[in-house]
């Protein structure tokens, strides 16, 4: 009887474990599919403003600046503005996104600027080709001296455009 009871307990435990794993898997799938920017084929949009922080005209200006940067310097910038409540691993997420964009679009010299409007986090991840010109210390300086002052004044597009210009000039060194 004890063996049967133990076996039932183990089966229930395994079943709950599988249920938790399934929930985590579906939650991850929902997170990825939520914005639909990684799982389906589409053209590189350069700016993914899921929080509608920017006006259509501002998005258009930023995209134009990013495309100009790509044409002149061969640098591809991707701007992501979202409201992610699971921002514990913000740095890891942004580096992973950088790799995904680089691989998906077969790009060189890629950087991702990610802004989390909920937690007020800002991060910049560069690929291996840009890391020499724009190491993490420079990225942090750019965030602190350019993006944060503009964002405090609610001039989001100006801060983003100014940071794109600075990244362009740094990459030319």
C-alpha atoms as a PDB file:
ATOM      1  CA  UNK A   1       0.000   0.000   0.000  1.00  0.00           C
ATOM      2  CA  UNK A   2       2.888   2.370   0.817  1.00  0.00           C
ATOM      3  CA  UNK A   3       4.462   1.730  -2.579  1.00  0.00           C
ATOM      4  CA  UNK A   4       1.186   2.474  -4.357  1.00  0.00           C
ATOM      5  CA  UNK A   5       0.748   5.668  -2.349  1.00  0.00           C
ATOM      6  CA  UNK A   6       4.316   6.747  -3.186  1.00  0.00           C
ATOM      7  CA  UNK A   7       3.792   5.949  -6.870  1.00  0.00           C
ATOM      8  CA  UNK A   8       0.596   8.034  -6.964  1.00  0.00           C
ATOM      9  CA  UNK A   9       2.419  10.918  -5.249  1.00  0.00           C
ATOM     10  CA  UNK A  10       5.275  10.749  -7.766  1.00  0.00           C
ATOM     11  CA  UNK A  11       2.819  10.672 -10.689  1.00  0.00           C
ATOM     12  CA  UNK A  12       0.933  13.674  -9.338  1.00  0.00           C
ATOM     13  CA  UNK A  13       4.216  15.509  -8.776  1.00  0.00           C
ATOM     14  CA  UNK A  14       5.409  14.748 -12.324  1.00  0.00           C
ATOM     15  CA  UNK A  15       2.061  15.803 -13.756  1.00  0.00           C
ATOM     16  CA  UNK A  16       2.227  19.150 -11.920  1.00  0.00           C
ATOM     17  CA  UNK A  17       5.808  19.653 -13.060  1.00  0.00           C
ATOM     18  CA  UNK A  18       4.782  19.082 -16.684  1.00  0.00           C
ATOM     19  CA  UNK A  19       1.861  21.472 -16.242  1.00  0.00           C
ATOM     20  CA  UNK A  20       4.212  24.189 -14.931  1.00  0.00           C
ATOM     21  CA  UNK A  21       6.622  23.564 -17.809  1.00  0.00           C
ATOM     22  CA  UNK A  22       3.751  23.812 -20.308  1.00  0.00           C
ATOM     23  CA  UNK A  23       2.554  27.064 -18.739  1.00  0.00           C
ATOM     24  CA  UNK A  24       6.050  28.523 -18.900  1.00  0.00           C
ATOM     25  CA  UNK A  25       6.374  27.425 -22.535  1.00  0.00           C
ATOM     26  CA  UNK A  26       3.059  29.005 -23.504  1.00  0.00           C
ATOM     27  CA  UNK A  27       3.853  32.133 -21.544  1.00  0.00           C
ATOM     28  CA  UNK A  28       7.166  32.401 -23.424  1.00  0.00           C
ATOM     29  CA  UNK A  29       5.370  31.768 -26.732  1.00  0.00           C
ATOM     30  CA  UNK A  30       2.824  34.476 -25.872  1.00  0.00           C
ATOM     31  CA  UNK A  31       5.632  36.863 -25.013  1.00  0.00           C
ATOM     32  CA  UNK A  32       7.351  36.248 -28.345  1.00  0.00           C
ATOM     33  CA  UNK A  33       4.115  36.287 -30.352  1.00  0.00           C
ATOM     34  CA  UNK A  34       2.696  39.235 -28.463  1.00  0.00           C
ATOM     35  CA  UNK A  35       4.316  41.746 -30.759  1.00  0.00           C
ATOM     36  CA  UNK A  36       4.808  39.478 -33.728  1.00  0.00           C
ATOM     37  CA  UNK A  37       8.174  40.952 -34.684  1.00  0.00           C
ATOM     38  CA  UNK A  38      10.326  37.880 -34.426  1.00  0.00           C
ATOM     39  CA  UNK A  39       8.185  34.932 -35.373  1.00  0.00           C
ATOM     40  CA  UNK A  40       6.763  35.921 -38.764  1.00  0.00           C
ATOM     41  CA  UNK A  41       8.455  37.077 -41.925  1.00  0.00           C
ATOM     42  CA  UNK A  42       8.389  40.823 -42.448  1.00  0.00           C
ATOM     43  CA  UNK A  43      10.667  43.555 -43.653  1.00  0.00           C
ATOM     44  CA  UNK A  44      12.990  45.059 -41.103  1.00  0.00           C
ATOM     45  CA  UNK A  45      10.951  47.891 -39.616  1.00  0.00           C
ATOM     46  CA  UNK A  46      13.888  49.516 -37.760  1.00  0.00           C
ATOM     47  CA  UNK A  47      11.503  51.041 -35.208  1.00  0.00           C
ATOM     48  CA  UNK A  48       9.160  48.851 -33.165  1.00  0.00           C
ATOM     49  CA  UNK A  49       7.150  51.259 -31.001  1.00  0.00           C
ATOM     50  CA  UNK A  50       4.717  48.945 -29.245  1.00  0.00           C
ATOM     51  CA  UNK A  51       3.818  51.542 -26.633  1.00  0.00           C
ATOM     52  CA  UNK A  52       2.992  54.307 -29.121  1.00  0.00           C
ATOM     53  CA  UNK A  53       5.430  56.560 -27.319  1.00  0.00           C
ATOM     54  CA  UNK A  54       6.261  58.294 -30.606  1.00  0.00           C
ATOM     55  CA  UNK A  55       4.006  59.941 -33.169  1.00  0.00           C
ATOM     56  CA  UNK A  56       3.858  58.540 -36.715  1.00  0.00           C
ATOM     57  CA  UNK A  57       5.909  61.482 -37.939  1.00  0.00           C
ATOM     58  CA  UNK A  58       8.581  60.876 -35.276  1.00  0.00           C
ATOM     59  CA  UNK A  59       8.770  57.176 -36.205  1.00  0.00           C
ATOM     60  CA  UNK A  60       9.139  58.185 -39.845  1.00  0.00           C
ATOM     61  CA  UNK A  61      12.014  60.577 -38.994  1.00  0.00           C
ATOM     62  CA  UNK A  62      13.811  57.953 -36.904  1.00  0.00           C
ATOM     63  CA  UNK A  63      13.401  55.289 -39.617  1.00  0.00           C
ATOM     64  CA  UNK A  64      14.761  57.715 -42.178  1.00  0.00           C
ATOM     65  CA  UNK A  65      17.771  58.449 -39.974  1.00  0.00           C
ATOM     66  CA  UNK A  66      18.393  54.732 -39.404  1.00  0.00           C
ATOM     67  CA  UNK A  67      18.152  53.943 -43.131  1.00  0.00           C
ATOM     68  CA  UNK A  68      20.543  56.815 -43.883  1.00  0.00           C
ATOM     69  CA  UNK A  69      22.963  55.420 -41.310  1.00  0.00           C
ATOM     70  CA  UNK A  70      22.715  51.981 -42.896  1.00  0.00           C
ATOM     71  CA  UNK A  71      23.370  53.360 -46.377  1.00  0.00           C
ATOM     72  CA  UNK A  72      26.334  55.553 -45.380  1.00  0.00           C
ATOM     73  CA  UNK A  73      28.112  53.556 -42.694  1.00  0.00           C
ATOM     74  CA  UNK A  74      26.697  50.065 -43.130  1.00  0.00           C
ATOM     75  CA  UNK A  75      25.330  50.165 -39.572  1.00  0.00           C
ATOM     76  CA  UNK A  76      21.881  48.793 -38.808  1.00  0.00           C
ATOM     77  CA  UNK A  77      20.068  50.175 -35.804  1.00  0.00           C
ATOM     78  CA  UNK A  78      16.888  48.683 -34.389  1.00  0.00           C
ATOM     79  CA  UNK A  79      14.815  50.652 -31.885  1.00  0.00           C
ATOM     80  CA  UNK A  80      12.376  48.738 -29.676  1.00  0.00           C
ATOM     81  CA  UNK A  81      10.015  50.511 -27.303  1.00  0.00           C
ATOM     82  CA  UNK A  82       7.904  48.209 -25.202  1.00  0.00           C
ATOM     83  CA  UNK A  83       6.315  47.724 -21.836  1.00  0.00           C
ATOM     84  CA  UNK A  84       7.754  44.438 -20.608  1.00  0.00           C
ATOM     85  CA  UNK A  85       6.834  43.590 -17.043  1.00  0.00           C
ATOM     86  CA  UNK A  86       9.406  40.741 -17.003  1.00  0.00           C
ATOM     87  CA  UNK A  87      12.422  43.012 -17.278  1.00  0.00           C
ATOM     88  CA  UNK A  88      14.620  41.162 -14.776  1.00  0.00           C
ATOM     89  CA  UNK A  89      17.031  40.038 -17.467  1.00  0.00           C
ATOM     90  CA  UNK A  90      16.925  43.259 -19.482  1.00  0.00           C
ATOM     91  CA  UNK A  91      20.606  43.133 -20.524  1.00  0.00           C
ATOM     92  CA  UNK A  92      20.403  39.484 -21.531  1.00  0.00           C
ATOM     93  CA  UNK A  93      17.161  40.085 -23.455  1.00  0.00           C
ATOM     94  CA  UNK A  94      18.608  42.962 -25.429  1.00  0.00           C
ATOM     95  CA  UNK A  95      21.738  41.005 -26.370  1.00  0.00           C
ATOM     96  CA  UNK A  96      19.560  38.081 -27.438  1.00  0.00           C
ATOM     97  CA  UNK A  97      17.399  40.400 -29.571  1.00  0.00           C
ATOM     98  CA  UNK A  98      20.519  41.806 -31.189  1.00  0.00           C
ATOM     99  CA  UNK A  99      21.595  38.292 -32.177  1.00  0.00           C
ATOM    100  CA  UNK A 100      18.148  37.424 -33.500  1.00  0.00           C
ATOM    101  CA  UNK A 101      17.944  40.536 -35.684  1.00  0.00           C
ATOM    102  CA  UNK A 102      21.492  40.009 -36.947  1.00  0.00           C
ATOM    103  CA  UNK A 103      20.812  36.385 -37.837  1.00  0.00           C
ATOM    104  CA  UNK A 104      17.285  36.857 -39.217  1.00  0.00           C
ATOM    105  CA  UNK A 105      18.272  39.645 -41.602  1.00  0.00           C
ATOM    106  CA  UNK A 106      21.874  38.546 -42.218  1.00  0.00           C
ATOM    107  CA  UNK A 107      23.260  41.914 -41.137  1.00  0.00           C
ATOM    108  CA  UNK A 108      26.648  43.149 -40.001  1.00  0.00           C
ATOM    109  CA  UNK A 109      27.254  46.016 -37.596  1.00  0.00           C
ATOM    110  CA  UNK A 110      23.935  45.762 -35.754  1.00  0.00           C
ATOM    111  CA  UNK A 111      22.894  47.539 -32.600  1.00  0.00           C
ATOM    112  CA  UNK A 112      19.624  47.379 -30.701  1.00  0.00           C
ATOM    113  CA  UNK A 113      18.372  50.251 -28.583  1.00  0.00           C
ATOM    114  CA  UNK A 114      15.641  48.947 -26.289  1.00  0.00           C
ATOM    115  CA  UNK A 115      13.491  51.165 -24.126  1.00  0.00           C
ATOM    116  CA  UNK A 116      11.164  49.743 -21.495  1.00  0.00           C
ATOM    117  CA  UNK A 117       8.573  52.389 -20.731  1.00  0.00           C
ATOM    118  CA  UNK A 118       7.211  50.522 -17.694  1.00  0.00           C
ATOM    119  CA  UNK A 119      10.467  50.042 -15.798  1.00  0.00           C
ATOM    120  CA  UNK A 120      12.205  53.044 -17.391  1.00  0.00           C
ATOM    121  CA  UNK A 121      15.133  50.932 -18.495  1.00  0.00           C
ATOM    122  CA  UNK A 122      17.246  51.777 -21.514  1.00  0.00           C
ATOM    123  CA  UNK A 123      19.810  49.472 -23.032  1.00  0.00           C
ATOM    124  CA  UNK A 124      22.066  49.339 -26.064  1.00  0.00           C
ATOM    125  CA  UNK A 125      23.510  46.084 -27.358  1.00  0.00           C
ATOM    126  CA  UNK A 126      26.051  45.984 -30.164  1.00  0.00           C
ATOM    127  CA  UNK A 127      27.247  43.027 -32.172  1.00  0.00           C
ATOM    128  CA  UNK A 128      30.861  41.821 -32.285  1.00  0.00           C
ATOM    129  CA  UNK A 129      31.762  44.134 -35.162  1.00  0.00           C
ATOM    130  CA  UNK A 130      30.622  47.287 -33.351  1.00  0.00           C
ATOM    131  CA  UNK A 131      31.740  46.359 -29.836  1.00  0.00           C
ATOM    132  CA  UNK A 132      35.263  47.690 -30.465  1.00  0.00           C
ATOM    133  CA  UNK A 133      34.001  51.149 -31.402  1.00  0.00           C
ATOM    134  CA  UNK A 134      31.056  51.140 -28.994  1.00  0.00           C
ATOM    135  CA  UNK A 135      31.882  49.103 -25.891  1.00  0.00           C
ATOM    136  CA  UNK A 136      29.460  48.860 -22.974  1.00  0.00           C
ATOM    137  CA  UNK A 137      31.131  51.797 -21.201  1.00  0.00           C
ATOM    138  CA  UNK A 138      30.439  54.073 -24.193  1.00  0.00           C
ATOM    139  CA  UNK A 139      26.868  52.748 -24.446  1.00  0.00           C
ATOM    140  CA  UNK A 140      26.291  53.613 -20.781  1.00  0.00           C
ATOM    141  CA  UNK A 141      27.758  57.083 -21.306  1.00  0.00           C
ATOM    142  CA  UNK A 142      25.493  57.596 -24.316  1.00  0.00           C
ATOM    143  CA  UNK A 143      22.464  56.537 -22.283  1.00  0.00           C
ATOM    144  CA  UNK A 144      23.325  58.757 -19.315  1.00  0.00           C
ATOM    145  CA  UNK A 145      24.466  61.844 -21.223  1.00  0.00           C
ATOM    146  CA  UNK A 146      22.144  61.787 -24.238  1.00  0.00           C
ATOM    147  CA  UNK A 147      19.063  59.635 -23.877  1.00  0.00           C
ATOM    148  CA  UNK A 148      18.148  60.233 -20.239  1.00  0.00           C
ATOM    149  CA  UNK A 149      18.308  64.067 -20.408  1.00  0.00           C
ATOM    150  CA  UNK A 150      16.107  64.114 -23.526  1.00  0.00           C
ATOM    151  CA  UNK A 151      13.720  61.536 -22.071  1.00  0.00           C
ATOM    152  CA  UNK A 152      13.368  63.518 -18.837  1.00  0.00           C
ATOM    153  CA  UNK A 153      12.105  66.396 -20.957  1.00  0.00           C
ATOM    154  CA  UNK A 154       9.774  63.967 -22.803  1.00  0.00           C
ATOM    155  CA  UNK A 155      11.700  64.561 -26.062  1.00  0.00           C
ATOM    156  CA  UNK A 156      11.928  60.885 -26.928  1.00  0.00           C
ATOM    157  CA  UNK A 157      12.445  61.156 -30.680  1.00  0.00           C
ATOM    158  CA  UNK A 158      15.096  63.873 -30.333  1.00  0.00           C
ATOM    159  CA  UNK A 159      16.997  61.739 -27.836  1.00  0.00           C
ATOM    160  CA  UNK A 160      16.811  58.678 -30.085  1.00  0.00           C
ATOM    161  CA  UNK A 161      17.903  60.614 -33.181  1.00  0.00           C
ATOM    162  CA  UNK A 162      20.772  62.239 -31.270  1.00  0.00           C
ATOM    163  CA  UNK A 163      21.936  58.832 -30.011  1.00  0.00           C
ATOM    164  CA  UNK A 164      21.803  57.438 -33.573  1.00  0.00           C
ATOM    165  CA  UNK A 165      23.998  60.327 -34.733  1.00  0.00           C
ATOM    166  CA  UNK A 166      26.488  59.674 -31.936  1.00  0.00           C
ATOM    167  CA  UNK A 167      26.603  55.952 -32.682  1.00  0.00           C
ATOM    168  CA  UNK A 168      27.263  56.786 -36.347  1.00  0.00           C
ATOM    169  CA  UNK A 169      30.162  59.070 -35.465  1.00  0.00           C
ATOM    170  CA  UNK A 170      31.618  56.570 -32.978  1.00  0.00           C
ATOM    171  CA  UNK A 171      31.470  53.764 -35.524  1.00  0.00           C
ATOM    172  CA  UNK A 172      33.565  55.794 -37.971  1.00  0.00           C
ATOM    173  CA  UNK A 173      36.528  55.859 -35.578  1.00  0.00           C
END
